[in-house]
Every structure is written in structure tokens, then in C-alpha cells.
Amino acid sequence: MPKKLHWTEAQDLTIRRMRVEGATWDTIAAALGVSRYTAIDRGRRIGALRPPPEAGPLVDDPKREPLPAGHPRSWAVITDGTLLEGSPYPLPCFHR
């Protein structure tokens, strides 16, 4: 039987923030180190939904934590105008 996850408020805030910013469930799952299904299930339980398409841009909080590596916003800033534009962040591979 799988181990029960004990979710923290910080993880819940990360899920909510990333969903509002338009991150995919795959990206959120990778950031939290859980499976896609686990991220989706938790997101639904806490009501983390994407904003409607007509919603305006969010004002960035200057006191927020730094964005994690591979976050869609920071990755887009790095890759816009290059051959990598529109490509997903290459998740680390731990093969040795």
C-alpha cells in the first residue's frame, strides 16, 4: 500500500500559484516531486483551478519566493527568441 502524503501549506500554495500562472499538472508534479495524478488530486481537493482566459495578468508579489528551476515563466524568459522557444524545460536525468 502506498505511503500517505502529508501535505504542507507551502505545497498547497505552490500548487495554487502555479495553476494560476498557467502551469501544467506535469510541471507542478515535477516541482513537488510527486506523480501527475497525485498533483491533480491534491489540486482538485484544495480548489486550485486555472483562471478564466479573460482574466488579466497577475501582479507579481516582490516578497514571493524565487521561482524554481524550470518554472514556465523563468524558462520562457531564458528561451524566448532562441531555438528553444516553446520547448519544455529539460527535467534532470539521474542516469549514471
PDB file of N, CA and C in Angstrom:
ATOM      1  N   MET A   1       0.837  -1.176   0.000  1.00  0.00           N
ATOM      2  CA  MET A   1       0.000   0.000   0.000  1.00  0.00           C
ATOM      3  C   MET A   1       0.881   1.239   0.000  1.00  0.00           C
ATOM      4  N   PRO A   2       0.527   2.247  -0.822  1.00  0.00           N
ATOM      5  CA  PRO A   2       1.349   3.453  -0.881  1.00  0.00           C
ATOM      6  C   PRO A   2       1.339   4.213   0.437  1.00  0.00           C
ATOM      7  N   LYS A   3       2.429   4.965   0.661  1.00  0.00           N
ATOM      8  CA  LYS A   3       2.528   5.789   1.847  1.00  0.00           C
ATOM      9  C   LYS A   3       1.638   7.014   1.714  1.00  0.00           C
ATOM     10  N   LYS A   4       0.986   7.396   2.792  1.00  0.00           N
ATOM     11  CA  LYS A   4       0.132   8.586   2.791  1.00  0.00           C
ATOM     12  C   LYS A   4       1.003   9.837   2.808  1.00  0.00           C
ATOM     13  N   LEU A   5       0.684  10.756   1.915  1.00  0.00           N
ATOM     14  CA  LEU A   5       1.406  12.022   1.864  1.00  0.00           C
ATOM     15  C   LEU A   5       0.815  12.994   2.876  1.00  0.00           C
ATOM     16  N   HIS A   6       1.671  13.706   3.539  1.00  0.00           N
ATOM     17  CA  HIS A   6       1.231  14.750   4.464  1.00  0.00           C
ATOM     18  C   HIS A   6       1.552  16.079   3.800  1.00  0.00           C
ATOM     19  N   TRP A   7       0.529  16.711   3.258  1.00  0.00           N
ATOM     20  CA  TRP A   7       0.697  17.952   2.510  1.00  0.00           C
ATOM     21  C   TRP A   7       0.937  19.112   3.460  1.00  0.00           C
ATOM     22  N   THR A   8       1.819  20.008   3.043  1.00  0.00           N
ATOM     23  CA  THR A   8       2.102  21.205   3.832  1.00  0.00           C
ATOM     24  C   THR A   8       1.393  22.398   3.196  1.00  0.00           C
ATOM     25  N   GLU A   9       1.270  23.451   3.965  1.00  0.00           N
ATOM     26  CA  GLU A   9       0.669  24.679   3.440  1.00  0.00           C
ATOM     27  C   GLU A   9       1.513  25.240   2.305  1.00  0.00           C
ATOM     28  N   ALA A  10       2.830  25.113   2.407  1.00  0.00           N
ATOM     29  CA  ALA A  10       3.724  25.607   1.350  1.00  0.00           C
ATOM     30  C   ALA A  10       3.479  24.856   0.040  1.00  0.00           C
ATOM     31  N   GLN A  11       3.280  23.547   0.109  1.00  0.00           N
ATOM     32  CA  GLN A  11       2.994  22.779  -1.103  1.00  0.00           C
ATOM     33  C   GLN A  11       1.659  23.197  -1.703  1.00  0.00           C
ATOM     34  N   ASP A  12       0.657  23.383  -0.856  1.00  0.00           N
ATOM     35  CA  ASP A  12      -0.654  23.823  -1.347  1.00  0.00           C
ATOM     36  C   ASP A  12      -0.551  25.190  -2.019  1.00  0.00           C
ATOM     37  N   LEU A  13       0.215  26.106  -1.413  1.00  0.00           N
ATOM     38  CA  LEU A  13       0.396  27.432  -2.008  1.00  0.00           C
ATOM     39  C   LEU A  13       1.126  27.331  -3.345  1.00  0.00           C
ATOM     40  N   THR A  14       2.095  26.429  -3.436  1.00  0.00           N
ATOM     41  CA  THR A  14       2.816  26.229  -4.694  1.00  0.00           C
ATOM     42  C   THR A  14       1.870  25.736  -5.773  1.00  0.00           C
ATOM     43  N   ILE A  15       1.015  24.782  -5.449  1.00  0.00           N
ATOM     44  CA  ILE A  15       0.051  24.262  -6.423  1.00  0.00           C
ATOM     45  C   ILE A  15      -0.868  25.385  -6.881  1.00  0.00           C
ATOM     46  N   ARG A  16      -1.420  26.123  -5.942  1.00  0.00           N
ATOM     47  CA  ARG A  16      -2.347  27.211  -6.304  1.00  0.00           C
ATOM     48  C   ARG A  16      -1.656  28.257  -7.178  1.00  0.00           C
ATOM     49  N   ARG A  17      -0.456  28.672  -6.770  1.00  0.00           N
ATOM     50  CA  ARG A  17       0.266  29.708  -7.512  1.00  0.00           C
ATOM     51  C   ARG A  17       0.599  29.239  -8.920  1.00  0.00           C
ATOM     52  N   MET A  18       1.103  28.029  -9.046  1.00  0.00           N
ATOM     53  CA  MET A  18       1.495  27.534 -10.362  1.00  0.00           C
ATOM     54  C   MET A  18       0.281  27.351 -11.276  1.00  0.00           C
ATOM     55  N   ARG A  19      -0.851  26.922 -10.715  1.00  0.00           N
ATOM     56  CA  ARG A  19      -2.057  26.768 -11.538  1.00  0.00           C
ATOM     57  C   ARG A  19      -2.545  28.122 -12.031  1.00  0.00           C
ATOM     58  N   VAL A  20      -2.545  29.114 -11.159  1.00  0.00           N
ATOM     59  CA  VAL A  20      -2.986  30.447 -11.558  1.00  0.00           C
ATOM     60  C   VAL A  20      -2.065  30.997 -12.640  1.00  0.00           C
ATOM     61  N   GLU A  21      -0.781  30.674 -12.558  1.00  0.00           N
ATOM     62  CA  GLU A  21       0.182  31.143 -13.548  1.00  0.00           C
ATOM     63  C   GLU A  21       0.105  30.342 -14.852  1.00  0.00           C
ATOM     64  N   GLY A  22      -0.724  29.281 -14.868  1.00  0.00           N
ATOM     65  CA  GLY A  22      -0.916  28.519 -16.096  1.00  0.00           C
ATOM     66  C   GLY A  22      -0.044  27.295 -16.243  1.00  0.00           C
ATOM     67  N   ALA A  23       0.636  26.878 -15.188  1.00  0.00           N
ATOM     68  CA  ALA A  23       1.495  25.698 -15.269  1.00  0.00           C
ATOM     69  C   ALA A  23       0.661  24.434 -15.479  1.00  0.00           C
ATOM     70  N   THR A  24       1.230  23.485 -16.193  1.00  0.00           N
ATOM     71  CA  THR A  24       0.553  22.208 -16.410  1.00  0.00           C
ATOM     72  C   THR A  24       0.700  21.337 -15.168  1.00  0.00           C
ATOM     73  N   TRP A  25      -0.137  20.322 -15.086  1.00  0.00           N
ATOM     74  CA  TRP A  25      -0.041  19.401 -13.957  1.00  0.00           C
ATOM     75  C   TRP A  25       1.295  18.662 -13.977  1.00  0.00           C
ATOM     76  N   ASP A  26       1.822  18.380 -15.160  1.00  0.00           N
ATOM     77  CA  ASP A  26       3.126  17.715 -15.243  1.00  0.00           C
ATOM     78  C   ASP A  26       4.219  18.580 -14.619  1.00  0.00           C
ATOM     79  N   THR A  27       4.187  19.868 -14.906  1.00  0.00           N
ATOM     80  CA  THR A  27       5.181  20.791 -14.370  1.00  0.00           C
ATOM     81  C   THR A  27       5.049  20.903 -12.858  1.00  0.00           C
ATOM     82  N   ILE A  28       3.821  20.994 -12.384  1.00  0.00           N
ATOM     83  CA  ILE A  28       3.580  21.088 -10.940  1.00  0.00           C
ATOM     84  C   ILE A  28       4.056  19.818 -10.244  1.00  0.00           C
ATOM     85  N   ALA A  29       3.730  18.675 -10.822  1.00  0.00           N
ATOM     86  CA  ALA A  29       4.145  17.395 -10.231  1.00  0.00           C
ATOM     87  C   ALA A  29       5.665  17.302 -10.146  1.00  0.00           C
ATOM     88  N   ALA A  30       6.348  17.733 -11.210  1.00  0.00           N
ATOM     89  CA  ALA A  30       7.816  17.688 -11.202  1.00  0.00           C
ATOM     90  C   ALA A  30       8.376  18.623 -10.132  1.00  0.00           C
ATOM     91  N   ALA A  31       7.782  19.796  -9.970  1.00  0.00           N
ATOM     92  CA  ALA A  31       8.257  20.758  -8.969  1.00  0.00           C
ATOM     93  C   ALA A  31       8.086  20.215  -7.553  1.00  0.00           C
ATOM     94  N   LEU A  32       7.028  19.452  -7.335  1.00  0.00           N
ATOM     95  CA  LEU A  32       6.749  18.909  -5.997  1.00  0.00           C
ATOM     96  C   LEU A  32       7.348  17.526  -5.773  1.00  0.00           C
ATOM     97  N   GLY A  33       7.794  16.884  -6.841  1.00  0.00           N
ATOM     98  CA  GLY A  33       8.364  15.539  -6.709  1.00  0.00           C
ATOM     99  C   GLY A  33       7.313  14.469  -6.461  1.00  0.00           C
ATOM    100  N   VAL A  34       6.131  14.647  -7.052  1.00  0.00           N
ATOM    101  CA  VAL A  34       5.051  13.664  -6.917  1.00  0.00           C
ATOM    102  C   VAL A  34       4.581  13.270  -8.307  1.00  0.00           C
ATOM    103  N   SER A  35       3.700  12.282  -8.383  1.00  0.00           N
ATOM    104  CA  SER A  35       3.165  11.877  -9.683  1.00  0.00           C
ATOM    105  C   SER A  35       2.140  12.902 -10.171  1.00  0.00           C
ATOM    106  N   ARG A  36       1.894  12.874 -11.470  1.00  0.00           N
ATOM    107  CA  ARG A  36       0.919  13.795 -12.070  1.00  0.00           C
ATOM    108  C   ARG A  36      -0.451  13.600 -11.432  1.00  0.00           C
ATOM    109  N   TYR A  37      -0.864  12.341 -11.275  1.00  0.00           N
ATOM    110  CA  TYR A  37      -2.176  12.060 -10.686  1.00  0.00           C
ATOM    111  C   TYR A  37      -2.260  12.606  -9.257  1.00  0.00           C
ATOM    112  N   THR A  38      -1.193  12.463  -8.481  1.00  0.00           N
ATOM    113  CA  THR A  38      -1.190  12.966  -7.104  1.00  0.00           C
ATOM    114  C   THR A  38      -1.345  14.484  -7.085  1.00  0.00           C
ATOM    115  N   ALA A  39      -0.636  15.168  -7.994  1.00  0.00           N
ATOM    116  CA  ALA A  39      -0.752  16.629  -8.068  1.00  0.00           C
ATOM    117  C   ALA A  39      -2.166  17.043  -8.466  1.00  0.00           C
ATOM    118  N   ILE A  40      -2.750  16.359  -9.454  1.00  0.00           N
ATOM    119  CA  ILE A  40      -4.116  16.669  -9.890  1.00  0.00           C
ATOM    120  C   ILE A  40      -5.095  16.452  -8.749  1.00  0.00           C
ATOM    121  N   ASP A  41      -4.972  15.331  -8.066  1.00  0.00           N
ATOM    122  CA  ASP A  41      -5.890  15.011  -6.974  1.00  0.00           C
ATOM    123  C   ASP A  41      -5.813  16.069  -5.871  1.00  0.00           C
ATOM    124  N   ARG A  42      -4.595  16.442  -5.491  1.00  0.00           N
ATOM    125  CA  ARG A  42      -4.456  17.452  -4.441  1.00  0.00           C
ATOM    126  C   ARG A  42      -4.980  18.808  -4.918  1.00  0.00           C
ATOM    127  N   GLY A  43      -4.681  19.154  -6.158  1.00  0.00           N
ATOM    128  CA  GLY A  43      -5.166  20.413  -6.706  1.00  0.00           C
ATOM    129  C   GLY A  43      -6.680  20.512  -6.695  1.00  0.00           C
ATOM    130  N   ARG A  44      -7.342  19.429  -7.032  1.00  0.00           N
ATOM    131  CA  ARG A  44      -8.810  19.427  -7.009  1.00  0.00           C
ATOM    132  C   ARG A  44      -9.344  19.523  -5.588  1.00  0.00           C
ATOM    133  N   ARG A  45      -8.673  18.857  -4.647  1.00  0.00           N
ATOM    134  CA  ARG A  45      -9.133  18.887  -3.252  1.00  0.00           C
ATOM    135  C   ARG A  45      -9.022  20.288  -2.637  1.00  0.00           C
ATOM    136  N   ILE A  46      -8.004  21.045  -3.056  1.00  0.00           N
ATOM    137  CA  ILE A  46      -7.827  22.389  -2.494  1.00  0.00           C
ATOM    138  C   ILE A  46      -8.419  23.468  -3.394  1.00  0.00           C
ATOM    139  N   GLY A  47      -9.026  23.067  -4.506  1.00  0.00           N
ATOM    140  CA  GLY A  47      -9.690  24.021  -5.387  1.00  0.00           C
ATOM    141  C   GLY A  47      -8.750  24.849  -6.233  1.00  0.00           C
ATOM    142  N   ALA A  48      -7.601  24.283  -6.600  1.00  0.00           N
ATOM    143  CA  ALA A  48      -6.625  25.006  -7.426  1.00  0.00           C
ATOM    144  C   ALA A  48      -7.027  24.876  -8.891  1.00  0.00           C
ATOM    145  N   LEU A  49      -7.681  25.905  -9.393  1.00  0.00           N
ATOM    146  CA  LEU A  49      -8.153  25.900 -10.770  1.00  0.00           C
ATOM    147  C   LEU A  49      -7.425  26.952 -11.573  1.00  0.00           C
ATOM    148  N   ARG A  50      -7.397  26.778 -12.882  1.00  0.00           N
ATOM    149  CA  ARG A  50      -6.844  27.802 -13.764  1.00  0.00           C
ATOM    150  C   ARG A  50      -7.802  28.972 -13.821  1.00  0.00           C
ATOM    151  N   PRO A  51      -7.270  30.174 -13.963  1.00  0.00           N
ATOM    152  CA  PRO A  51      -8.167  31.323 -14.098  1.00  0.00           C
ATOM    153  C   PRO A  51      -8.844  31.295 -15.467  1.00  0.00           C
ATOM    154  N   PRO A  52      -9.989  31.953 -15.603  1.00  0.00           N
ATOM    155  CA  PRO A  52     -10.634  32.001 -16.918  1.00  0.00           C
ATOM    156  C   PRO A  52      -9.742  32.730 -17.910  1.00  0.00           C
ATOM    157  N   PRO A  53      -9.866  32.407 -19.217  1.00  0.00           N
ATOM    158  CA  PRO A  53      -8.999  33.023 -20.216  1.00  0.00           C
ATOM    159  C   PRO A  53      -9.079  34.545 -20.247  1.00  0.00           C
ATOM    160  N   GLU A  54     -10.229  35.112 -19.877  1.00  0.00           N
ATOM    161  CA  GLU A  54     -10.375  36.565 -19.925  1.00  0.00           C
ATOM    162  C   GLU A  54      -9.766  37.267 -18.715  1.00  0.00           C
ATOM    163  N   ALA A  55      -9.232  36.513 -17.764  1.00  0.00           N
ATOM    164  CA  ALA A  55      -8.616  37.118 -16.580  1.00  0.00           C
ATOM    165  C   ALA A  55      -7.340  37.845 -16.987  1.00  0.00           C
ATOM    166  N   GLY A  56      -7.102  38.972 -16.379  1.00  0.00           N
ATOM    167  CA  GLY A  56      -5.921  39.771 -16.693  1.00  0.00           C
ATOM    168  C   GLY A  56      -4.673  39.181 -16.053  1.00  0.00           C
ATOM    169  N   PRO A  57      -3.522  39.748 -16.356  1.00  0.00           N
ATOM    170  CA  PRO A  57      -2.278  39.247 -15.763  1.00  0.00           C
ATOM    171  C   PRO A  57      -2.242  39.532 -14.261  1.00  0.00           C
ATOM    172  N   LEU A  58      -1.566  38.661 -13.548  1.00  0.00           N
ATOM    173  CA  LEU A  58      -1.423  38.818 -12.105  1.00  0.00           C
ATOM    174  C   LEU A  58      -0.299  39.797 -11.800  1.00  0.00           C
ATOM    175  N   VAL A  59      -0.454  40.541 -10.723  1.00  0.00           N
ATOM    176  CA  VAL A  59       0.605  41.431 -10.273  1.00  0.00           C
ATOM    177  C   VAL A  59       1.568  40.588  -9.458  1.00  0.00           C
ATOM    178  N   ASP A  60       2.848  40.669  -9.793  1.00  0.00           N
ATOM    179  CA  ASP A  60       3.847  39.856  -9.115  1.00  0.00           C
ATOM    180  C   ASP A  60       4.148  40.433  -7.739  1.00  0.00           C
ATOM    181  N   ASP A  61       4.196  39.574  -6.741  1.00  0.00           N
ATOM    182  CA  ASP A  61       4.496  39.977  -5.374  1.00  0.00           C
ATOM    183  C   ASP A  61       6.013  40.051  -5.213  1.00  0.00           C
ATOM    184  N   PRO A  62       6.572  41.216  -4.905  1.00  0.00           N
ATOM    185  CA  PRO A  62       8.029  41.315  -4.780  1.00  0.00           C
ATOM    186  C   PRO A  62       8.591  40.528  -3.596  1.00  0.00           C
ATOM    187  N   LYS A  63       7.743  40.106  -2.663  1.00  0.00           N
ATOM    188  CA  LYS A  63       8.207  39.364  -1.491  1.00  0.00           C
ATOM    189  C   LYS A  63       8.090  37.851  -1.671  1.00  0.00           C
ATOM    190  N   ARG A  64       7.664  37.399  -2.865  1.00  0.00           N
ATOM    191  CA  ARG A  64       7.482  35.968  -3.071  1.00  0.00           C
ATOM    192  C   ARG A  64       8.831  35.250  -3.124  1.00  0.00           C
ATOM    193  N   GLU A  65       8.801  33.938  -2.923  1.00  0.00           N
ATOM    194  CA  GLU A  65      10.000  33.111  -3.022  1.00  0.00           C
ATOM    195  C   GLU A  65      10.475  33.083  -4.469  1.00  0.00           C
ATOM    196  N   PRO A  66      11.754  32.823  -4.711  1.00  0.00           N
ATOM    197  CA  PRO A  66      12.238  32.713  -6.083  1.00  0.00           C
ATOM    198  C   PRO A  66      11.537  31.568  -6.809  1.00  0.00           C
ATOM    199  N   LEU A  67      11.411  31.698  -8.122  1.00  0.00           N
ATOM    200  CA  LEU A  67      10.793  30.642  -8.915  1.00  0.00           C
ATOM    201  C   LEU A  67      11.749  29.457  -9.004  1.00  0.00           C
ATOM    202  N   PRO A  68      11.223  28.227  -8.965  1.00  0.00           N
ATOM    203  CA  PRO A  68      12.092  27.056  -9.066  1.00  0.00           C
ATOM    204  C   PRO A  68      12.657  26.917 -10.479  1.00  0.00           C
ATOM    205  N   ALA A  69      13.740  26.187 -10.590  1.00  0.00           N
ATOM    206  CA  ALA A  69      14.334  25.927 -11.905  1.00  0.00           C
ATOM    207  C   ALA A  69      13.296  25.284 -12.807  1.00  0.00           C
ATOM    208  N   GLY A  70      13.204  25.778 -14.024  1.00  0.00           N
ATOM    209  CA  GLY A  70      12.267  25.205 -14.979  1.00  0.00           C
ATOM    210  C   GLY A  70      10.868  25.751 -14.896  1.00  0.00           C
ATOM    211  N   HIS A  71      10.623  26.712 -14.031  1.00  0.00           N
ATOM    212  CA  HIS A  71       9.286  27.297 -13.938  1.00  0.00           C
ATOM    213  C   HIS A  71       8.940  27.898 -15.299  1.00  0.00           C
ATOM    214  N   PRO A  72       7.695  27.724 -15.779  1.00  0.00           N
ATOM    215  CA  PRO A  72       7.336  28.205 -17.114  1.00  0.00           C
ATOM    216  C   PRO A  72       7.671  29.675 -17.360  1.00  0.00           C
ATOM    217  N   ARG A  73       7.488  30.530 -16.366  1.00  0.00           N
ATOM    218  CA  ARG A  73       7.781  31.957 -16.579  1.00  0.00           C
ATOM    219  C   ARG A  73       9.269  32.213 -16.735  1.00  0.00           C
ATOM    220  N   SER A  74      10.080  31.637 -15.840  1.00  0.00           N
ATOM    221  CA  SER A  74      11.517  31.888 -15.938  1.00  0.00           C
ATOM    222  C   SER A  74      12.120  31.187 -17.151  1.00  0.00           C
ATOM    223  N   TRP A  75      11.620  30.005 -17.483  1.00  0.00           N
ATOM    224  CA  TRP A  75      12.124  29.283 -18.654  1.00  0.00           C
ATOM    225  C   TRP A  75      11.795  30.058 -19.934  1.00  0.00           C
ATOM    226  N   ALA A  76      10.620  30.666 -19.995  1.00  0.00           N
ATOM    227  CA  ALA A  76      10.240  31.441 -21.175  1.00  0.00           C
ATOM    228  C   ALA A  76      11.139  32.667 -21.332  1.00  0.00           C
ATOM    229  N   VAL A  77      11.502  33.305 -20.224  1.00  0.00           N
ATOM    230  CA  VAL A  77      12.386  34.465 -20.292  1.00  0.00           C
ATOM    231  C   VAL A  77      13.738  34.058 -20.877  1.00  0.00           C
ATOM    232  N   ILE A  78      14.217  32.887 -20.506  1.00  0.00           N
ATOM    233  CA  ILE A  78      15.515  32.417 -20.987  1.00  0.00           C
ATOM    234  C   ILE A  78      15.450  32.016 -22.465  1.00  0.00           C
ATOM    235  N   THR A  79      14.369  31.373 -22.883  1.00  0.00           N
ATOM    236  CA  THR A  79      14.324  30.775 -24.215  1.00  0.00           C
ATOM    237  C   THR A  79      13.636  31.612 -25.284  1.00  0.00           C
ATOM    238  N   ASP A  80      12.876  32.638 -24.921  1.00  0.00           N
ATOM    239  CA  ASP A  80      12.199  33.450 -25.938  1.00  0.00           C
ATOM    240  C   ASP A  80      13.208  34.020 -26.920  1.00  0.00           C
ATOM    241  N   GLY A  81      12.915  33.871 -28.203  1.00  0.00           N
ATOM    242  CA  GLY A  81      13.787  34.382 -29.243  1.00  0.00           C
ATOM    243  C   GLY A  81      14.945  33.467 -29.601  1.00  0.00           C
ATOM    244  N   THR A  82      14.958  32.254 -29.046  1.00  0.00           N
ATOM    245  CA  THR A  82      16.012  31.291 -29.366  1.00  0.00           C
ATOM    246  C   THR A  82      15.394  30.066 -30.022  1.00  0.00           C
ATOM    247  N   LEU A  83      16.238  29.113 -30.391  1.00  0.00           N
ATOM    248  CA  LEU A  83      15.741  27.862 -30.967  1.00  0.00           C
ATOM    249  C   LEU A  83      14.925  27.049 -29.957  1.00  0.00           C
ATOM    250  N   LEU A  84      15.128  27.311 -28.699  1.00  0.00           N
ATOM    251  CA  LEU A  84      14.411  26.570 -27.654  1.00  0.00           C
ATOM    252  C   LEU A  84      13.044  27.159 -27.323  1.00  0.00           C
ATOM    253  N   GLU A  85      12.666  28.272 -27.947  1.00  0.00           N
ATOM    254  CA  GLU A  85      11.387  28.918 -27.653  1.00  0.00           C
ATOM    255  C   GLU A  85      10.237  27.926 -27.810  1.00  0.00           C
ATOM    256  N   GLY A  86       9.401  27.826 -26.790  1.00  0.00           N
ATOM    257  CA  GLY A  86       8.243  26.941 -26.811  1.00  0.00           C
ATOM    258  C   GLY A  86       8.547  25.516 -26.395  1.00  0.00           C
ATOM    259  N   SER A  87       9.808  25.188 -26.179  1.00  0.00           N
ATOM    260  CA  SER A  87      10.144  23.825 -25.761  1.00  0.00           C
ATOM    261  C   SER A  87      10.016  23.707 -24.246  1.00  0.00           C
ATOM    262  N   PRO A  88       9.682  22.510 -23.748  1.00  0.00           N
ATOM    263  CA  PRO A  88       9.564  22.345 -22.297  1.00  0.00           C
ATOM    264  C   PRO A  88      10.939  22.333 -21.642  1.00  0.00           C
ATOM    265  N   TYR A  89      10.954  22.634 -20.375  1.00  0.00           N
ATOM    266  CA  TYR A  89      12.189  22.606 -19.600  1.00  0.00           C
ATOM    267  C   TYR A  89      12.701  21.170 -19.540  1.00  0.00           C
ATOM    268  N   PRO A  90      13.981  20.942 -19.829  1.00  0.00           N
ATOM    269  CA  PRO A  90      14.507  19.573 -19.773  1.00  0.00           C
ATOM    270  C   PRO A  90      14.690  19.137 -18.322  1.00  0.00           C
ATOM    271  N   LEU A  91      13.811  18.278 -17.873  1.00  0.00           N
ATOM    272  CA  LEU A  91      13.898  17.807 -16.491  1.00  0.00           C
ATOM    273  C   LEU A  91      15.187  17.018 -16.313  1.00  0.00           C
ATOM    274  N   PRO A  92      15.792  17.074 -15.132  1.00  0.00           N
ATOM    275  CA  PRO A  92      17.068  16.393 -14.928  1.00  0.00           C
ATOM    276  C   PRO A  92      16.937  14.880 -15.065  1.00  0.00           C
ATOM    277  N   CYS A  93      17.968  14.297 -15.598  1.00  0.00           N
ATOM    278  CA  CYS A  93      18.034  12.844 -15.759  1.00  0.00           C
ATOM    279  C   CYS A  93      19.104  12.353 -14.805  1.00  0.00           C
ATOM    280  N   PHE A  94      18.781  11.387 -13.983  1.00  0.00           N
ATOM    281  CA  PHE A  94      19.712  10.932 -12.956  1.00  0.00           C
ATOM    282  C   PHE A  94      20.381   9.607 -13.321  1.00  0.00           C
ATOM    283  N   HIS A  95      20.570   9.354 -14.600  1.00  0.00           N
ATOM    284  CA  HIS A  95      21.279   8.134 -15.011  1.00  0.00           C
ATOM    285  C   HIS A  95      22.760   8.319 -14.810  1.00  0.00           C
ATOM    286  N   ARG A  96      23.404   7.294 -14.394  1.00  0.00           N
ATOM    287  CA  ARG A  96      24.876   7.366 -14.212  1.00  0.00           C
ATOM    288  C   ARG A  96      25.530   6.289 -15.012  1.00  0.00           C
TER     289      ARG A  96
END
